[in-house]
Amino acid sequence: MHLAVIGLGKLGCPMAALLAAAGHDVVGADLSEAVVAAVNEGRAPVDETGLADLMEQASPLLRATTSVQEAAEDAELAFCIVPTPSLADATSIRAAPSPPSKPLAVDSPARTAVGGWQC
């Protein structure tokens, strides 16, 4: 299956790597060129236990771009991972995400996907 993961931070990158290691063709998108370069070089852009090994398994099927359009255009399913900040004591901040500043809309031959947050 062709998948897109929008947002390759501490949640999105492990998710993308796990999906690719399971055999899916995954294109990730992130605003950070450094994150995109790391993923495309097969390196973990965030410090998560086991992610480096997972990135090695995923590398043939995982690539990244700074373009949300490019990531999502051929995807059968797209995941938009929003930031999940934590407090210093590692508890999650429970504030609701801010409303969308601009909707994400991508047309593909298979369907039109519309998400709520600008990624």
C-alpha atoms as a PDB file:
ATOM      1  CA  MET A   1       0.000   0.000   0.000  1.00  0.00           C
ATOM      2  CA  HIS A   2       1.214   3.547  -0.762  1.00  0.00           C
ATOM      3  CA  LEU A   3       1.100   5.642   2.416  1.00  0.00           C
ATOM      4  CA  ALA A   4       1.984   9.205   3.410  1.00  0.00           C
ATOM      5  CA  VAL A   5       3.008  10.373   6.859  1.00  0.00           C
ATOM      6  CA  ILE A   6       2.910  14.142   7.234  1.00  0.00           C
ATOM      7  CA  GLY A   7       5.113  15.221  10.140  1.00  0.00           C
ATOM      8  CA  LEU A   8       8.256  13.199  10.863  1.00  0.00           C
ATOM      9  CA  GLY A   9       8.875  14.132  14.500  1.00  0.00           C
ATOM     10  CA  LYS A  10       8.945  11.912  17.563  1.00  0.00           C
ATOM     11  CA  LEU A  11       5.642  10.250  16.609  1.00  0.00           C
ATOM     12  CA  GLY A  12       5.552  10.489  12.825  1.00  0.00           C
ATOM     13  CA  CYS A  13       9.025   9.172  12.036  1.00  0.00           C
ATOM     14  CA  PRO A  14       8.678   5.945  14.082  1.00  0.00           C
ATOM     15  CA  MET A  15       5.219   5.434  12.578  1.00  0.00           C
ATOM     16  CA  ALA A  16       6.550   5.915   9.028  1.00  0.00           C
ATOM     17  CA  ALA A  17       9.500   3.591   9.679  1.00  0.00           C
ATOM     18  CA  LEU A  18       7.277   0.904  11.192  1.00  0.00           C
ATOM     19  CA  LEU A  19       4.869   1.035   8.250  1.00  0.00           C
ATOM     20  CA  ALA A  20       7.742   0.814   5.743  1.00  0.00           C
ATOM     21  CA  ALA A  21       9.421  -2.021   7.669  1.00  0.00           C
ATOM     22  CA  ALA A  22       6.074  -3.856   7.446  1.00  0.00           C
ATOM     23  CA  GLY A  23       6.277  -3.650   3.646  1.00  0.00           C
ATOM     24  CA  HIS A  24       4.364  -0.500   2.764  1.00  0.00           C
ATOM     25  CA  ASP A  25       5.697   2.146   0.387  1.00  0.00           C
ATOM     26  CA  VAL A  26       5.870   5.257   2.599  1.00  0.00           C
ATOM     27  CA  VAL A  27       6.607   8.862   1.721  1.00  0.00           C
ATOM     28  CA  GLY A  28       7.014  11.168   4.685  1.00  0.00           C
ATOM     29  CA  ALA A  29       6.834  14.946   4.634  1.00  0.00           C
ATOM     30  CA  ASP A  30       8.368  17.391   7.069  1.00  0.00           C
ATOM     31  CA  LEU A  31       9.118  21.107   7.033  1.00  0.00           C
ATOM     32  CA  SER A  32      12.669  20.480   8.280  1.00  0.00           C
ATOM     33  CA  GLU A  33      15.206  19.849   5.533  1.00  0.00           C
ATOM     34  CA  ALA A  34      17.496  18.258   8.150  1.00  0.00           C
ATOM     35  CA  VAL A  35      14.809  15.719   9.094  1.00  0.00           C
ATOM     36  CA  VAL A  36      14.122  14.954   5.427  1.00  0.00           C
ATOM     37  CA  ALA A  37      17.851  14.497   4.727  1.00  0.00           C
ATOM     38  CA  ALA A  38      18.262  12.155   7.706  1.00  0.00           C
ATOM     39  CA  VAL A  39      15.328   9.969   6.644  1.00  0.00           C
ATOM     40  CA  ASN A  40      16.564   9.814   3.052  1.00  0.00           C
ATOM     41  CA  GLU A  41      20.012   8.783   4.334  1.00  0.00           C
ATOM     42  CA  GLY A  42      18.446   6.029   6.452  1.00  0.00           C
ATOM     43  CA  ARG A  43      19.239   7.806   9.741  1.00  0.00           C
ATOM     44  CA  ALA A  44      16.859   8.411  12.622  1.00  0.00           C
ATOM     45  CA  PRO A  45      16.147  12.146  12.886  1.00  0.00           C
ATOM     46  CA  VAL A  46      14.838  11.824  16.456  1.00  0.00           C
ATOM     47  CA  ASP A  47      16.119   9.933  19.492  1.00  0.00           C
ATOM     48  CA  GLU A  48      13.766   7.009  20.043  1.00  0.00           C
ATOM     49  CA  THR A  49      14.749   3.566  21.324  1.00  0.00           C
ATOM     50  CA  GLY A  50      15.035   1.104  18.440  1.00  0.00           C
ATOM     51  CA  LEU A  51      14.370   3.689  15.726  1.00  0.00           C
ATOM     52  CA  ALA A  52      17.859   3.456  14.175  1.00  0.00           C
ATOM     53  CA  ASP A  53      17.428  -0.297  13.611  1.00  0.00           C
ATOM     54  CA  LEU A  54      13.896   0.207  12.314  1.00  0.00           C
ATOM     55  CA  MET A  55      15.154   2.873   9.887  1.00  0.00           C
ATOM     56  CA  GLU A  56      17.616   0.338   8.447  1.00  0.00           C
ATOM     57  CA  GLN A  57      14.800  -2.160   7.860  1.00  0.00           C
ATOM     58  CA  ALA A  58      12.554   0.543   6.404  1.00  0.00           C
ATOM     59  CA  SER A  59      15.037   2.315   4.126  1.00  0.00           C
ATOM     60  CA  PRO A  60      14.164   0.554   0.876  1.00  0.00           C
ATOM     61  CA  LEU A  61      10.504   1.591   1.213  1.00  0.00           C
ATOM     62  CA  LEU A  62      10.785   4.885   3.114  1.00  0.00           C
ATOM     63  CA  ARG A  63      11.670   8.264   1.681  1.00  0.00           C
ATOM     64  CA  ALA A  64      10.981  11.839   2.705  1.00  0.00           C
ATOM     65  CA  THR A  65      10.286  15.221   1.142  1.00  0.00           C
ATOM     66  CA  THR A  66       9.522  18.765   2.284  1.00  0.00           C
ATOM     67  CA  SER A  67       6.462  18.777  -0.016  1.00  0.00           C
ATOM     68  CA  VAL A  68       3.151  17.640   1.482  1.00  0.00           C
ATOM     69  CA  GLN A  69       1.729  17.529  -2.049  1.00  0.00           C
ATOM     70  CA  GLU A  70       4.485  15.181  -3.236  1.00  0.00           C
ATOM     71  CA  ALA A  71       4.086  12.908  -0.211  1.00  0.00           C
ATOM     72  CA  ALA A  72       0.326  12.617  -0.496  1.00  0.00           C
ATOM     73  CA  GLU A  73      -0.310  12.648  -4.245  1.00  0.00           C
ATOM     74  CA  ASP A  74      -0.036   8.874  -4.800  1.00  0.00           C
ATOM     75  CA  ALA A  75      -0.970   7.801  -1.269  1.00  0.00           C
ATOM     76  CA  GLU A  76      -3.896   5.506  -0.682  1.00  0.00           C
ATOM     77  CA  LEU A  77      -3.938   6.693   2.924  1.00  0.00           C
ATOM     78  CA  ALA A  78      -2.300   9.725   4.554  1.00  0.00           C
ATOM     79  CA  PHE A  79      -1.614  10.356   8.230  1.00  0.00           C
ATOM     80  CA  CYS A  80      -1.136  13.918   9.494  1.00  0.00           C
ATOM     81  CA  ILE A  81       0.754  13.863  12.779  1.00  0.00           C
ATOM     82  CA  VAL A  82       0.366  17.068  14.781  1.00  0.00           C
ATOM     83  CA  PRO A  83       2.904  18.183  17.406  1.00  0.00           C
ATOM     84  CA  THR A  84       2.413  16.747  20.900  1.00  0.00           C
ATOM     85  CA  PRO A  85       4.418  18.928  23.267  1.00  0.00           C
ATOM     86  CA  SER A  86       5.286  17.691  26.739  1.00  0.00           C
ATOM     87  CA  LEU A  87       5.989  19.475  29.983  1.00  0.00           C
ATOM     88  CA  ALA A  88       9.377  19.181  31.711  1.00  0.00           C
ATOM     89  CA  ASP A  89       8.049  16.363  33.921  1.00  0.00           C
ATOM     90  CA  ALA A  90       7.127  14.403  30.729  1.00  0.00           C
ATOM     91  CA  THR A  91       3.377  14.733  31.226  1.00  0.00           C
ATOM     92  CA  SER A  92       1.441  15.614  28.132  1.00  0.00           C
ATOM     93  CA  ILE A  93       0.011  19.065  27.677  1.00  0.00           C
ATOM     94  CA  ARG A  94      -3.726  18.541  27.408  1.00  0.00           C
ATOM     95  CA  ALA A  95      -4.566  21.699  25.499  1.00  0.00           C
ATOM     96  CA  ALA A  96      -6.514  21.077  22.326  1.00  0.00           C
ATOM     97  CA  PRO A  97      -4.681  21.715  19.058  1.00  0.00           C
ATOM     98  CA  SER A  98      -5.339  25.129  17.618  1.00  0.00           C
ATOM     99  CA  PRO A  99      -7.917  25.340  14.831  1.00  0.00           C
ATOM    100  CA  PRO A 100      -6.676  24.881  11.296  1.00  0.00           C
ATOM    101  CA  SER A 101      -5.055  27.949   9.808  1.00  0.00           C
ATOM    102  CA  LYS A 102      -5.416  26.505   6.330  1.00  0.00           C
ATOM    103  CA  PRO A 103      -6.899  23.136   5.338  1.00  0.00           C
ATOM    104  CA  LEU A 104      -4.766  20.501   3.696  1.00  0.00           C
ATOM    105  CA  ALA A 105      -6.330  19.271   0.470  1.00  0.00           C
ATOM    106  CA  VAL A 106      -4.733  16.865  -1.978  1.00  0.00           C
ATOM    107  CA  ASP A 107      -6.287  15.420  -5.117  1.00  0.00           C
ATOM    108  CA  SER A 108      -5.228  12.028  -6.392  1.00  0.00           C
ATOM    109  CA  PRO A 109      -6.640   9.661  -8.997  1.00  0.00           C
ATOM    110  CA  ALA A 110      -8.036   7.440  -6.226  1.00  0.00           C
ATOM    111  CA  ARG A 111      -9.674  10.023  -3.969  1.00  0.00           C
ATOM    112  CA  THR A 112      -9.586  13.499  -2.489  1.00  0.00           C
ATOM    113  CA  ALA A 113      -8.211  13.724   1.046  1.00  0.00           C
ATOM    114  CA  VAL A 114      -8.929  16.718   3.213  1.00  0.00           C
ATOM    115  CA  GLY A 115      -7.388  17.171   6.652  1.00  0.00           C
ATOM    116  CA  GLY A 116      -7.895  19.778   9.327  1.00  0.00           C
ATOM    117  CA  TRP A 117      -4.413  20.993  10.226  1.00  0.00           C
ATOM    118  CA  GLN A 118      -1.823  22.762   8.166  1.00  0.00           C
ATOM    119  CA  CYS A 119       1.224  20.513   8.200  1.00  0.00           C
END
